[in-house]
PDB file of N, CA and C in Angstrom:
ATOM      1  N   UNK A   1      14.783  36.736   0.475  1.00  0.00           N
ATOM      2  CA  UNK A   1      13.813  35.683   0.262  1.00  0.00           C
ATOM      3  C   UNK A   1      14.507  34.339   0.413  1.00  0.00           C
ATOM      4  N   UNK A   2      13.914  33.451   1.220  1.00  0.00           N
ATOM      5  CA  UNK A   2      14.511  32.140   1.436  1.00  0.00           C
ATOM      6  C   UNK A   2      14.174  31.212   0.275  1.00  0.00           C
ATOM      7  N   UNK A   3      15.121  30.357  -0.094  1.00  0.00           N
ATOM      8  CA  UNK A   3      14.837  29.401  -1.169  1.00  0.00           C
ATOM      9  C   UNK A   3      13.791  28.390  -0.711  1.00  0.00           C
ATOM     10  N   UNK A   4      12.911  28.050  -1.623  1.00  0.00           N
ATOM     11  CA  UNK A   4      11.865  27.070  -1.322  1.00  0.00           C
ATOM     12  C   UNK A   4      12.374  25.670  -1.638  1.00  0.00           C
ATOM     13  N   UNK A   5      12.017  24.674  -0.808  1.00  0.00           N
ATOM     14  CA  UNK A   5      12.461  23.310  -1.096  1.00  0.00           C
ATOM     15  C   UNK A   5      11.833  22.826  -2.403  1.00  0.00           C
ATOM     16  N   UNK A   6      12.613  22.079  -3.140  1.00  0.00           N
ATOM     17  CA  UNK A   6      12.126  21.528  -4.401  1.00  0.00           C
ATOM     18  C   UNK A   6      11.407  20.220  -4.125  1.00  0.00           C
ATOM     19  N   UNK A   7      10.160  20.065  -4.630  1.00  0.00           N
ATOM     20  CA  UNK A   7       9.456  18.801  -4.408  1.00  0.00           C
ATOM     21  C   UNK A   7      10.197  17.667  -5.092  1.00  0.00           C
ATOM     22  N   UNK A   8      10.194  16.525  -4.443  1.00  0.00           N
ATOM     23  CA  UNK A   8      10.845  15.353  -5.012  1.00  0.00           C
ATOM     24  C   UNK A   8       9.826  14.599  -5.864  1.00  0.00           C
ATOM     25  N   UNK A   9      10.081  14.424  -7.159  1.00  0.00           N
ATOM     26  CA  UNK A   9       9.104  13.781  -8.034  1.00  0.00           C
ATOM     27  C   UNK A   9       8.795  12.350  -7.626  1.00  0.00           C
ATOM     28  N   UNK A  10       9.803  11.605  -7.128  1.00  0.00           N
ATOM     29  CA  UNK A  10       9.528  10.221  -6.758  1.00  0.00           C
ATOM     30  C   UNK A  10       8.623  10.145  -5.529  1.00  0.00           C
ATOM     31  N   UNK A  11       8.708  11.107  -4.638  1.00  0.00           N
ATOM     32  CA  UNK A  11       7.835  11.110  -3.465  1.00  0.00           C
ATOM     33  C   UNK A  11       6.393  11.371  -3.895  1.00  0.00           C
ATOM     34  N   UNK A  12       6.199  12.294  -4.844  1.00  0.00           N
ATOM     35  CA  UNK A  12       4.852  12.559  -5.345  1.00  0.00           C
ATOM     36  C   UNK A  12       4.299  11.322  -6.027  1.00  0.00           C
ATOM     37  N   UNK A  13       5.137  10.623  -6.763  1.00  0.00           N
ATOM     38  CA  UNK A  13       4.702   9.400  -7.438  1.00  0.00           C
ATOM     39  C   UNK A  13       4.216   8.355  -6.455  1.00  0.00           C
ATOM     40  N   UNK A  14       4.881   8.259  -5.326  1.00  0.00           N
ATOM     41  CA  UNK A  14       4.456   7.293  -4.301  1.00  0.00           C
ATOM     42  C   UNK A  14       3.088   7.656  -3.750  1.00  0.00           C
ATOM     43  N   UNK A  15       2.843   8.962  -3.549  1.00  0.00           N
ATOM     44  CA  UNK A  15       1.529   9.371  -3.035  1.00  0.00           C
ATOM     45  C   UNK A  15       0.443   9.102  -4.057  1.00  0.00           C
ATOM     46  N   UNK A  16       0.765   9.289  -5.326  1.00  0.00           N
ATOM     47  CA  UNK A  16      -0.211   8.971  -6.364  1.00  0.00           C
ATOM     48  C   UNK A  16      -0.518   7.488  -6.330  1.00  0.00           C
ATOM     49  N   UNK A  17       0.519   6.659  -6.133  1.00  0.00           N
ATOM     50  CA  UNK A  17       0.320   5.222  -6.045  1.00  0.00           C
ATOM     51  C   UNK A  17      -0.565   4.864  -4.861  1.00  0.00           C
ATOM     52  N   UNK A  18      -0.276   5.444  -3.703  1.00  0.00           N
ATOM     53  CA  UNK A  18      -1.083   5.159  -2.511  1.00  0.00           C
ATOM     54  C   UNK A  18      -2.522   5.599  -2.725  1.00  0.00           C
ATOM     55  N   UNK A  19      -2.713   6.806  -3.244  1.00  0.00           N
ATOM     56  CA  UNK A  19      -4.071   7.301  -3.488  1.00  0.00           C
ATOM     57  C   UNK A  19      -4.792   6.422  -4.497  1.00  0.00           C
ATOM     58  N   UNK A  20      -4.089   6.000  -5.539  1.00  0.00           N
ATOM     59  CA  UNK A  20      -4.706   5.138  -6.540  1.00  0.00           C
ATOM     60  C   UNK A  20      -5.089   3.810  -5.936  1.00  0.00           C
ATOM     61  N   UNK A  21      -4.204   3.256  -5.139  1.00  0.00           N
ATOM     62  CA  UNK A  21      -4.473   1.966  -4.523  1.00  0.00           C
ATOM     63  C   UNK A  21      -5.693   2.035  -3.630  1.00  0.00           C
ATOM     64  N   UNK A  22      -5.766   3.064  -2.805  1.00  0.00           N
ATOM     65  CA  UNK A  22      -6.871   3.168  -1.868  1.00  0.00           C
ATOM     66  C   UNK A  22      -8.178   3.543  -2.558  1.00  0.00           C
ATOM     67  N   UNK A  23      -8.109   4.330  -3.610  1.00  0.00           N
ATOM     68  CA  UNK A  23      -9.323   4.802  -4.272  1.00  0.00           C
ATOM     69  C   UNK A  23      -9.843   3.845  -5.331  1.00  0.00           C
ATOM     70  N   UNK A  24      -8.939   3.152  -6.017  1.00  0.00           N
ATOM     71  CA  UNK A  24      -9.362   2.371  -7.169  1.00  0.00           C
ATOM     72  C   UNK A  24      -9.445   0.875  -6.919  1.00  0.00           C
ATOM     73  N   UNK A  25      -9.123   0.422  -5.735  1.00  0.00           N
ATOM     74  CA  UNK A  25      -9.179  -1.002  -5.473  1.00  0.00           C
ATOM     75  C   UNK A  25     -10.599  -1.503  -5.669  1.00  0.00           C
ATOM     76  N   UNK A  26     -10.697  -2.545  -6.476  1.00  0.00           N
ATOM     77  CA  UNK A  26     -12.030  -3.040  -6.786  1.00  0.00           C
ATOM     78  C   UNK A  26     -12.549  -3.922  -5.667  1.00  0.00           C
ATOM     79  N   UNK A  27     -13.862  -3.961  -5.546  1.00  0.00           N
ATOM     80  CA  UNK A  27     -14.494  -4.829  -4.578  1.00  0.00           C
ATOM     81  C   UNK A  27     -14.386  -6.269  -5.047  1.00  0.00           C
ATOM     82  N   UNK A  28     -14.681  -7.187  -4.160  1.00  0.00           N
ATOM     83  CA  UNK A  28     -14.605  -8.601  -4.513  1.00  0.00           C
ATOM     84  C   UNK A  28     -15.700  -9.357  -3.782  1.00  0.00           C
ATOM     85  N   UNK A  29     -16.064 -10.497  -4.333  1.00  0.00           N
ATOM     86  CA  UNK A  29     -17.072 -11.342  -3.700  1.00  0.00           C
ATOM     87  C   UNK A  29     -16.490 -12.630  -3.175  1.00  0.00           C
ATOM     88  N   UNK A  30     -15.330 -13.035  -3.723  1.00  0.00           N
ATOM     89  CA  UNK A  30     -14.699 -14.282  -3.303  1.00  0.00           C
ATOM     90  C   UNK A  30     -13.200 -14.217  -3.587  1.00  0.00           C
ATOM     91  N   UNK A  31     -12.456 -15.167  -3.001  1.00  0.00           N
ATOM     92  CA  UNK A  31     -11.022 -15.245  -3.256  1.00  0.00           C
ATOM     93  C   UNK A  31     -10.763 -15.470  -4.736  1.00  0.00           C
ATOM     94  N   UNK A  32     -11.663 -16.199  -5.400  1.00  0.00           N
ATOM     95  CA  UNK A  32     -11.516 -16.464  -6.824  1.00  0.00           C
ATOM     96  C   UNK A  32     -11.540 -15.196  -7.660  1.00  0.00           C
ATOM     97  N   UNK A  33     -12.332 -14.201  -7.241  1.00  0.00           N
ATOM     98  CA  UNK A  33     -12.353 -12.916  -7.949  1.00  0.00           C
ATOM     99  C   UNK A  33     -10.969 -12.277  -7.943  1.00  0.00           C
ATOM    100  N   UNK A  34     -10.333 -12.307  -6.798  1.00  0.00           N
ATOM    101  CA  UNK A  34      -9.013 -11.679  -6.646  1.00  0.00           C
ATOM    102  C   UNK A  34      -7.958 -12.459  -7.418  1.00  0.00           C
ATOM    103  N   UNK A  35      -8.027 -13.788  -7.337  1.00  0.00           N
ATOM    104  CA  UNK A  35      -7.087 -14.626  -8.061  1.00  0.00           C
ATOM    105  C   UNK A  35      -7.220 -14.380  -9.558  1.00  0.00           C
ATOM    106  N   UNK A  36      -8.456 -14.332 -10.057  1.00  0.00           N
ATOM    107  CA  UNK A  36      -8.699 -14.106 -11.477  1.00  0.00           C
ATOM    108  C   UNK A  36      -8.164 -12.766 -11.957  1.00  0.00           C
ATOM    109  N   UNK A  37      -8.364 -11.716 -11.157  1.00  0.00           N
ATOM    110  CA  UNK A  37      -7.865 -10.387 -11.516  1.00  0.00           C
ATOM    111  C   UNK A  37      -6.340 -10.381 -11.562  1.00  0.00           C
ATOM    112  N   UNK A  38      -5.726 -11.060 -10.611  1.00  0.00           N
ATOM    113  CA  UNK A  38      -4.267 -11.134 -10.544  1.00  0.00           C
ATOM    114  C   UNK A  38      -3.716 -11.902 -11.746  1.00  0.00           C
ATOM    115  N   UNK A  39      -4.314 -13.042 -12.068  1.00  0.00           N
ATOM    116  CA  UNK A  39      -3.861 -13.850 -13.205  1.00  0.00           C
ATOM    117  C   UNK A  39      -4.008 -13.067 -14.504  1.00  0.00           C
ATOM    118  N   UNK A  40      -5.131 -12.366 -14.658  1.00  0.00           N
ATOM    119  CA  UNK A  40      -5.367 -11.571 -15.869  1.00  0.00           C
ATOM    120  C   UNK A  40      -4.315 -10.474 -16.029  1.00  0.00           C
ATOM    121  N   UNK A  41      -3.761  -9.997 -14.922  1.00  0.00           N
ATOM    122  CA  UNK A  41      -2.740  -8.943 -14.959  1.00  0.00           C
ATOM    123  C   UNK A  41      -1.336  -9.520 -15.103  1.00  0.00           C
ATOM    124  N   UNK A  42      -1.223 -10.844 -15.180  1.00  0.00           N
ATOM    125  CA  UNK A  42       0.091 -11.471 -15.353  1.00  0.00           C
ATOM    126  C   UNK A  42       0.827 -11.730 -14.064  1.00  0.00           C
ATOM    127  N   UNK A  43       0.109 -11.881 -12.961  1.00  0.00           N
ATOM    128  CA  UNK A  43       0.733 -12.088 -11.657  1.00  0.00           C
ATOM    129  C   UNK A  43       1.366 -13.445 -11.445  1.00  0.00           C
ATOM    130  N   UNK A  44       1.012 -14.431 -12.265  1.00  0.00           N
ATOM    131  CA  UNK A  44       1.616 -15.765 -12.184  1.00  0.00           C
ATOM    132  C   UNK A  44       1.407 -16.457 -10.859  1.00  0.00           C
ATOM    133  N   UNK A  45       2.421 -17.218 -10.391  1.00  0.00           N
ATOM    134  CA  UNK A  45       2.272 -18.024  -9.174  1.00  0.00           C
ATOM    135  C   UNK A  45       2.021 -17.197  -7.911  1.00  0.00           C
ATOM    136  N   UNK A  46       2.427 -15.928  -7.914  1.00  0.00           N
ATOM    137  CA  UNK A  46       2.210 -15.083  -6.734  1.00  0.00           C
ATOM    138  C   UNK A  46       0.731 -14.797  -6.505  1.00  0.00           C
ATOM    139  N   UNK A  47      -0.114 -15.117  -7.480  1.00  0.00           N
ATOM    140  CA  UNK A  47      -1.550 -14.859  -7.334  1.00  0.00           C
ATOM    141  C   UNK A  47      -2.176 -15.705  -6.228  1.00  0.00           C
ATOM    142  N   UNK A  48      -1.484 -16.775  -5.817  1.00  0.00           N
ATOM    143  CA  UNK A  48      -2.009 -17.583  -4.712  1.00  0.00           C
ATOM    144  C   UNK A  48      -1.962 -16.808  -3.404  1.00  0.00           C
ATOM    145  N   UNK A  49      -1.272 -15.649  -3.380  1.00  0.00           N
ATOM    146  CA  UNK A  49      -1.195 -14.803  -2.183  1.00  0.00           C
ATOM    147  C   UNK A  49      -2.339 -13.802  -2.081  1.00  0.00           C
ATOM    148  N   UNK A  50      -3.221 -13.768  -3.084  1.00  0.00           N
ATOM    149  CA  UNK A  50      -4.329 -12.814  -3.037  1.00  0.00           C
ATOM    150  C   UNK A  50      -5.540 -13.442  -2.368  1.00  0.00           C
ATOM    151  N   UNK A  51      -6.342 -12.615  -1.733  1.00  0.00           N
ATOM    152  CA  UNK A  51      -7.589 -13.080  -1.132  1.00  0.00           C
ATOM    153  C   UNK A  51      -8.565 -11.920  -1.037  1.00  0.00           C
ATOM    154  N   UNK A  52      -9.832 -12.250  -0.869  1.00  0.00           N
ATOM    155  CA  UNK A  52     -10.878 -11.244  -0.725  1.00  0.00           C
ATOM    156  C   UNK A  52     -11.031 -10.933   0.761  1.00  0.00           C
ATOM    157  N   UNK A  53     -10.723  -9.720   1.152  1.00  0.00           N
ATOM    158  CA  UNK A  53     -10.810  -9.320   2.558  1.00  0.00           C
ATOM    159  C   UNK A  53     -12.242  -8.930   2.899  1.00  0.00           C
ATOM    160  N   UNK A  54     -12.865  -9.702   3.779  1.00  0.00           N
ATOM    161  CA  UNK A  54     -14.229  -9.365   4.195  1.00  0.00           C
ATOM    162  C   UNK A  54     -14.236  -8.111   5.065  1.00  0.00           C
ATOM    163  N   UNK A  55     -13.120  -7.818   5.727  1.00  0.00           N
ATOM    164  CA  UNK A  55     -13.046  -6.632   6.582  1.00  0.00           C
ATOM    165  C   UNK A  55     -13.069  -5.343   5.763  1.00  0.00           C
ATOM    166  N   UNK A  56     -12.478  -5.377   4.558  1.00  0.00           N
ATOM    167  CA  UNK A  56     -12.361  -4.166   3.752  1.00  0.00           C
ATOM    168  C   UNK A  56     -13.149  -4.227   2.448  1.00  0.00           C
ATOM    169  N   UNK A  57     -13.722  -5.377   2.136  1.00  0.00           N
ATOM    170  CA  UNK A  57     -14.534  -5.509   0.926  1.00  0.00           C
ATOM    171  C   UNK A  57     -13.742  -5.321  -0.354  1.00  0.00           C
ATOM    172  N   UNK A  58     -12.463  -5.700  -0.346  1.00  0.00           N
ATOM    173  CA  UNK A  58     -11.623  -5.596  -1.528  1.00  0.00           C
ATOM    174  C   UNK A  58     -10.539  -6.654  -1.452  1.00  0.00           C
ATOM    175  N   UNK A  59      -9.859  -6.836  -2.568  1.00  0.00           N
ATOM    176  CA  UNK A  59      -8.762  -7.796  -2.607  1.00  0.00           C
ATOM    177  C   UNK A  59      -7.608  -7.304  -1.743  1.00  0.00           C
ATOM    178  N   UNK A  60      -6.834  -8.251  -1.240  1.00  0.00           N
ATOM    179  CA  UNK A  60      -5.667  -7.941  -0.431  1.00  0.00           C
ATOM    180  C   UNK A  60      -4.632  -9.028  -0.667  1.00  0.00           C
ATOM    181  N   UNK A  61      -3.433  -8.852  -0.117  1.00  0.00           N
ATOM    182  CA  UNK A  61      -2.343  -9.814  -0.251  1.00  0.00           C
ATOM    183  C   UNK A  61      -1.945 -10.315   1.132  1.00  0.00           C
ATOM    184  N   UNK A  62      -1.446 -11.531   1.180  1.00  0.00           N
ATOM    185  CA  UNK A  62      -1.008 -12.111   2.449  1.00  0.00           C
ATOM    186  C   UNK A  62       0.250 -11.420   2.959  1.00  0.00           C
ATOM    187  N   UNK A  63       0.410 -11.397   4.279  1.00  0.00           N
ATOM    188  CA  UNK A  63       1.612 -10.869   4.906  1.00  0.00           C
ATOM    189  C   UNK A  63       1.830  -9.395   4.643  1.00  0.00           C
ATOM    190  N   UNK A  64       3.098  -9.034   4.439  1.00  0.00           N
ATOM    191  CA  UNK A  64       3.447  -7.633   4.211  1.00  0.00           C
ATOM    192  C   UNK A  64       3.416  -7.267   2.733  1.00  0.00           C
ATOM    193  N   UNK A  65       3.014  -8.221   1.879  1.00  0.00           N
ATOM    194  CA  UNK A  65       2.939  -7.920   0.442  1.00  0.00           C
ATOM    195  C   UNK A  65       1.876  -6.848   0.211  1.00  0.00           C
ATOM    196  N   UNK A  66       2.070  -6.076  -0.841  1.00  0.00           N
ATOM    197  CA  UNK A  66       1.199  -4.942  -1.141  1.00  0.00           C
ATOM    198  C   UNK A  66       0.411  -5.224  -2.408  1.00  0.00           C
ATOM    199  N   UNK A  67      -0.890  -4.917  -2.374  1.00  0.00           N
ATOM    200  CA  UNK A  67      -1.736  -5.078  -3.547  1.00  0.00           C
ATOM    201  C   UNK A  67      -1.481  -3.921  -4.502  1.00  0.00           C
ATOM    202  N   UNK A  68      -1.093  -4.262  -5.726  1.00  0.00           N
ATOM    203  CA  UNK A  68      -0.868  -3.242  -6.750  1.00  0.00           C
ATOM    204  C   UNK A  68      -2.201  -2.891  -7.400  1.00  0.00           C
ATOM    205  N   UNK A  69      -2.254  -1.763  -8.072  1.00  0.00           N
ATOM    206  CA  UNK A  69      -3.475  -1.307  -8.722  1.00  0.00           C
ATOM    207  C   UNK A  69      -3.958  -2.318  -9.755  1.00  0.00           C
ATOM    208  N   UNK A  70      -3.031  -3.037 -10.397  1.00  0.00           N
ATOM    209  CA  UNK A  70      -3.433  -4.004 -11.422  1.00  0.00           C
ATOM    210  C   UNK A  70      -3.949  -5.317 -10.842  1.00  0.00           C
ATOM    211  N   UNK A  71      -3.944  -5.483  -9.520  1.00  0.00           N
ATOM    212  CA  UNK A  71      -4.473  -6.685  -8.877  1.00  0.00           C
ATOM    213  C   UNK A  71      -3.416  -7.705  -8.512  1.00  0.00           C
ATOM    214  N   UNK A  72      -2.150  -7.429  -8.808  1.00  0.00           N
ATOM    215  CA  UNK A  72      -1.078  -8.340  -8.437  1.00  0.00           C
ATOM    216  C   UNK A  72      -0.511  -7.930  -7.079  1.00  0.00           C
ATOM    217  N   UNK A  73       0.258  -8.839  -6.474  1.00  0.00           N
ATOM    218  CA  UNK A  73       0.896  -8.552  -5.185  1.00  0.00           C
ATOM    219  C   UNK A  73       2.375  -8.269  -5.401  1.00  0.00           C
ATOM    220  N   UNK A  74       2.904  -7.344  -4.621  1.00  0.00           N
ATOM    221  CA  UNK A  74       4.324  -7.024  -4.672  1.00  0.00           C
ATOM    222  C   UNK A  74       4.896  -7.235  -3.276  1.00  0.00           C
ATOM    223  N   UNK A  75       5.969  -8.017  -3.202  1.00  0.00           N
ATOM    224  CA  UNK A  75       6.598  -8.281  -1.910  1.00  0.00           C
ATOM    225  C   UNK A  75       7.197  -7.002  -1.347  1.00  0.00           C
ATOM    226  N   UNK A  76       7.150  -6.887  -0.037  1.00  0.00           N
ATOM    227  CA  UNK A  76       7.763  -5.733   0.623  1.00  0.00           C
ATOM    228  C   UNK A  76       9.271  -5.814   0.446  1.00  0.00           C
ATOM    229  N   UNK A  77       9.930  -4.691   0.152  1.00  0.00           N
ATOM    230  CA  UNK A  77      11.390  -4.729  -0.015  1.00  0.00           C
ATOM    231  C   UNK A  77      12.071  -5.030   1.312  1.00  0.00           C
ATOM    232  N   UNK A  78      13.151  -5.787   1.232  1.00  0.00           N
ATOM    233  CA  UNK A  78      13.926  -6.109   2.422  1.00  0.00           C
ATOM    234  C   UNK A  78      15.036  -5.084   2.519  1.00  0.00           C
ATOM    235  N   UNK A  79      15.101  -4.414   3.650  1.00  0.00           N
ATOM    236  CA  UNK A  79      16.112  -3.381   3.826  1.00  0.00           C
ATOM    237  C   UNK A  79      16.820  -3.595   5.152  1.00  0.00           C
ATOM    238  N   UNK A  80      18.119  -3.590   5.101  1.00  0.00           N
ATOM    239  CA  UNK A  80      18.898  -3.708   6.335  1.00  0.00           C
ATOM    240  C   UNK A  80      19.545  -2.374   6.694  1.00  0.00           C
ATOM    241  N   UNK A  81      19.265  -1.360   5.898  1.00  0.00           N
ATOM    242  CA  UNK A  81      19.863  -0.052   6.147  1.00  0.00           C
ATOM    243  C   UNK A  81      19.217   0.611   7.353  1.00  0.00           C
ATOM    244  N   UNK A  82      20.002   1.290   8.107  1.00  0.00           N
ATOM    245  CA  UNK A  82      19.459   2.076   9.204  1.00  0.00           C
ATOM    246  C   UNK A  82      19.837   3.531   8.954  1.00  0.00           C
ATOM    247  N   UNK A  83      18.958   4.393   9.342  1.00  0.00           N
ATOM    248  CA  UNK A  83      19.239   5.807   9.126  1.00  0.00           C
ATOM    249  C   UNK A  83      18.613   6.623  10.246  1.00  0.00           C
ATOM    250  N   UNK A  84      19.063   7.826  10.376  1.00  0.00           N
ATOM    251  CA  UNK A  84      18.492   8.753  11.340  1.00  0.00           C
ATOM    252  C   UNK A  84      17.712   9.802  10.560  1.00  0.00           C
ATOM    253  N   UNK A  85      16.459  10.000  10.904  1.00  0.00           N
ATOM    254  CA  UNK A  85      15.686  11.003  10.165  1.00  0.00           C
ATOM    255  C   UNK A  85      16.244  12.407  10.370  1.00  0.00           C
ATOM    256  N   UNK A  86      16.219  13.173   9.282  1.00  0.00           N
ATOM    257  CA  UNK A  86      16.717  14.545   9.354  1.00  0.00           C
ATOM    258  C   UNK A  86      15.630  15.512   9.818  1.00  0.00           C
ATOM    259  N   UNK A  87      14.364  15.105   9.681  1.00  0.00           N
ATOM    260  CA  UNK A  87      13.256  15.987  10.027  1.00  0.00           C
ATOM    261  C   UNK A  87      12.165  15.197  10.737  1.00  0.00           C
ATOM    262  N   UNK A  88      11.427  15.883  11.580  1.00  0.00           N
ATOM    263  CA  UNK A  88      10.207  15.315  12.145  1.00  0.00           C
ATOM    264  C   UNK A  88       9.053  15.811  11.288  1.00  0.00           C
ATOM    265  N   UNK A  89       8.180  14.903  10.894  1.00  0.00           N
ATOM    266  CA  UNK A  89       7.085  15.254  10.002  1.00  0.00           C
ATOM    267  C   UNK A  89       5.770  14.811  10.623  1.00  0.00           C
ATOM    268  N   UNK A  90       4.777  15.656  10.554  1.00  0.00           N
ATOM    269  CA  UNK A  90       3.431  15.304  10.999  1.00  0.00           C
ATOM    270  C   UNK A  90       2.546  15.220   9.770  1.00  0.00           C
ATOM    271  N   UNK A  91       1.884  14.095   9.605  1.00  0.00           N
ATOM    272  CA  UNK A  91       0.989  13.903   8.468  1.00  0.00           C
ATOM    273  C   UNK A  91      -0.442  14.001   8.938  1.00  0.00           C
ATOM    274  N   UNK A  92      -1.248  14.608   8.141  1.00  0.00           N
ATOM    275  CA  UNK A  92      -2.685  14.632   8.385  1.00  0.00           C
ATOM    276  C   UNK A  92      -3.346  14.053   7.149  1.00  0.00           C
ATOM    277  N   UNK A  93      -4.160  13.048   7.363  1.00  0.00           N
ATOM    278  CA  UNK A  93      -4.808  12.395   6.224  1.00  0.00           C
ATOM    279  C   UNK A  93      -6.188  11.925   6.639  1.00  0.00           C
ATOM    280  N   UNK A  94      -7.040  11.787   5.653  1.00  0.00           N
ATOM    281  CA  UNK A  94      -8.370  11.248   5.901  1.00  0.00           C
ATOM    282  C   UNK A  94      -8.649  10.189   4.851  1.00  0.00           C
ATOM    283  N   UNK A  95      -9.355   9.169   5.228  1.00  0.00           N
ATOM    284  CA  UNK A  95      -9.671   8.114   4.273  1.00  0.00           C
ATOM    285  C   UNK A  95     -10.347   6.962   4.972  1.00  0.00           C
ATOM    286  N   UNK A  96     -10.730   5.987   4.175  1.00  0.00           N
ATOM    287  CA  UNK A  96     -11.343   4.794   4.731  1.00  0.00           C
ATOM    288  C   UNK A  96     -10.255   3.863   5.232  1.00  0.00           C
ATOM    289  N   UNK A  97     -10.590   3.066   6.208  1.00  0.00           N
ATOM    290  CA  UNK A  97      -9.644   2.073   6.711  1.00  0.00           C
ATOM    291  C   UNK A  97      -9.339   1.087   5.591  1.00  0.00           C
ATOM    292  N   UNK A  98      -8.113   0.635   5.552  1.00  0.00           N
ATOM    293  CA  UNK A  98      -7.677  -0.333   4.557  1.00  0.00           C
ATOM    294  C   UNK A  98      -6.589  -1.186   5.197  1.00  0.00           C
ATOM    295  N   UNK A  99      -6.174  -2.266   4.532  1.00  0.00           N
ATOM    296  CA  UNK A  99      -5.083  -3.057   5.117  1.00  0.00           C
ATOM    297  C   UNK A  99      -3.805  -2.238   5.286  1.00  0.00           C
ATOM    298  N   UNK A 100      -3.627  -1.213   4.450  1.00  0.00           N
ATOM    299  CA  UNK A 100      -2.414  -0.402   4.531  1.00  0.00           C
ATOM    300  C   UNK A 100      -2.476   0.637   5.649  1.00  0.00           C
ATOM    301  N   UNK A 101      -3.655   1.160   5.931  1.00  0.00           N
ATOM    302  CA  UNK A 101      -3.814   2.183   6.967  1.00  0.00           C
ATOM    303  C   UNK A 101      -5.021   1.807   7.829  1.00  0.00           C
ATOM    304  N   UNK A 102      -4.740   1.270   9.006  1.00  0.00           N
ATOM    305  CA  UNK A 102      -5.800   0.868   9.923  1.00  0.00           C
ATOM    306  C   UNK A 102      -5.835   1.829  11.107  1.00  0.00           C
ATOM    307  N   UNK A 103      -6.972   1.900  11.767  1.00  0.00           N
ATOM    308  CA  UNK A 103      -7.134   2.797  12.906  1.00  0.00           C
ATOM    309  C   UNK A 103      -6.058   2.559  13.971  1.00  0.00           C
ATOM    310  N   UNK A 104      -5.739   1.298  14.232  1.00  0.00           N
ATOM    311  CA  UNK A 104      -4.721   1.009  15.258  1.00  0.00           C
ATOM    312  C   UNK A 104      -3.349   1.545  14.854  1.00  0.00           C
ATOM    313  N   UNK A 105      -3.049   1.535  13.559  1.00  0.00           N
ATOM    314  CA  UNK A 105      -1.761   2.078  13.110  1.00  0.00           C
ATOM    315  C   UNK A 105      -1.703   3.576  13.369  1.00  0.00           C
ATOM    316  N   UNK A 106      -2.784   4.271  13.071  1.00  0.00           N
ATOM    317  CA  UNK A 106      -2.836   5.713  13.278  1.00  0.00           C
ATOM    318  C   UNK A 106      -2.765   6.025  14.772  1.00  0.00           C
ATOM    319  N   UNK A 107      -3.566   5.316  15.557  1.00  0.00           N
ATOM    320  CA  UNK A 107      -3.603   5.546  17.003  1.00  0.00           C
ATOM    321  C   UNK A 107      -2.236   5.312  17.644  1.00  0.00           C
ATOM    322  N   UNK A 108      -1.540   4.233  17.203  1.00  0.00           N
ATOM    323  CA  UNK A 108      -0.256   3.880  17.800  1.00  0.00           C
ATOM    324  C   UNK A 108       0.923   4.621  17.177  1.00  0.00           C
ATOM    325  N   UNK A 109       0.654   5.371  16.096  1.00  0.00           N
ATOM    326  CA  UNK A 109       1.730   6.099  15.438  1.00  0.00           C
ATOM    327  C   UNK A 109       2.714   5.201  14.720  1.00  0.00           C
ATOM    328  N   UNK A 110       2.266   4.023  14.316  1.00  0.00           N
ATOM    329  CA  UNK A 110       3.124   3.060  13.632  1.00  0.00           C
ATOM    330  C   UNK A 110       2.563   2.741  12.262  1.00  0.00           C
ATOM    331  N   UNK A 111       3.353   2.860  11.241  1.00  0.00           N
ATOM    332  CA  UNK A 111       2.919   2.505   9.886  1.00  0.00           C
ATOM    333  C   UNK A 111       2.928   0.988   9.736  1.00  0.00           C
ATOM    334  N   UNK A 112       1.955   0.462   8.992  1.00  0.00           N
ATOM    335  CA  UNK A 112       1.911  -0.976   8.727  1.00  0.00           C
ATOM    336  C   UNK A 112       3.056  -1.358   7.798  1.00  0.00           C
ATOM    337  N   UNK A 113       3.399  -2.638   7.780  1.00  0.00           N
ATOM    338  CA  UNK A 113       4.443  -3.109   6.872  1.00  0.00           C
ATOM    339  C   UNK A 113       4.040  -2.854   5.428  1.00  0.00           C
ATOM    340  N   UNK A 114       2.743  -2.976   5.132  1.00  0.00           N
ATOM    341  CA  UNK A 114       2.266  -2.742   3.766  1.00  0.00           C
ATOM    342  C   UNK A 114       2.442  -1.279   3.374  1.00  0.00           C
ATOM    343  N   UNK A 115       2.118  -0.352   4.264  1.00  0.00           N
ATOM    344  CA  UNK A 115       2.293   1.063   3.953  1.00  0.00           C
ATOM    345  C   UNK A 115       3.775   1.395   3.803  1.00  0.00           C
ATOM    346  N   UNK A 116       4.615   0.829   4.664  1.00  0.00           N
ATOM    347  CA  UNK A 116       6.051   1.064   4.542  1.00  0.00           C
ATOM    348  C   UNK A 116       6.556   0.570   3.188  1.00  0.00           C
ATOM    349  N   UNK A 117       6.024  -0.570   2.726  1.00  0.00           N
ATOM    350  CA  UNK A 117       6.440  -1.105   1.431  1.00  0.00           C
ATOM    351  C   UNK A 117       6.020  -0.164   0.301  1.00  0.00           C
ATOM    352  N   UNK A 118       4.836   0.437   0.414  1.00  0.00           N
ATOM    353  CA  UNK A 118       4.377   1.372  -0.612  1.00  0.00           C
ATOM    354  C   UNK A 118       5.255   2.608  -0.678  1.00  0.00           C
ATOM    355  N   UNK A 119       5.719   3.052   0.461  1.00  0.00           N
ATOM    356  CA  UNK A 119       6.479   4.294   0.525  1.00  0.00           C
ATOM    357  C   UNK A 119       7.978   4.087   0.338  1.00  0.00           C
ATOM    358  N   UNK A 120       8.412   2.831   0.338  1.00  0.00           N
ATOM    359  CA  UNK A 120       9.861   2.540   0.210  1.00  0.00           C
ATOM    360  C   UNK A 120      10.375   2.812  -1.180  1.00  0.00           C
TER     361      UNK A 120
END
């Protein structure tokens, strides 16, 4: 019998975060809604980076920053490390389009900077 790979707990945690972000993101009516939610969560000056995305009907963050479940923005980590992947992986997923996963990203086989930040 071959040994089974052990699931990595931190990888599962990241998927829970992604699923939570995509499923629980609240709708918004204006940029002020997003700013207010961010301030209430203790986001401070970074709350000026939040806005109401008319394309997705929910709050989002400027640039590659990622919207956290609490309504604050988290900057994408800066990494200068390079590595060679040990495995080729094919993912199959279904969901609504979001700033983190857009149709063009799936079609082109390229993850968005926001999705990379979530998975980093």
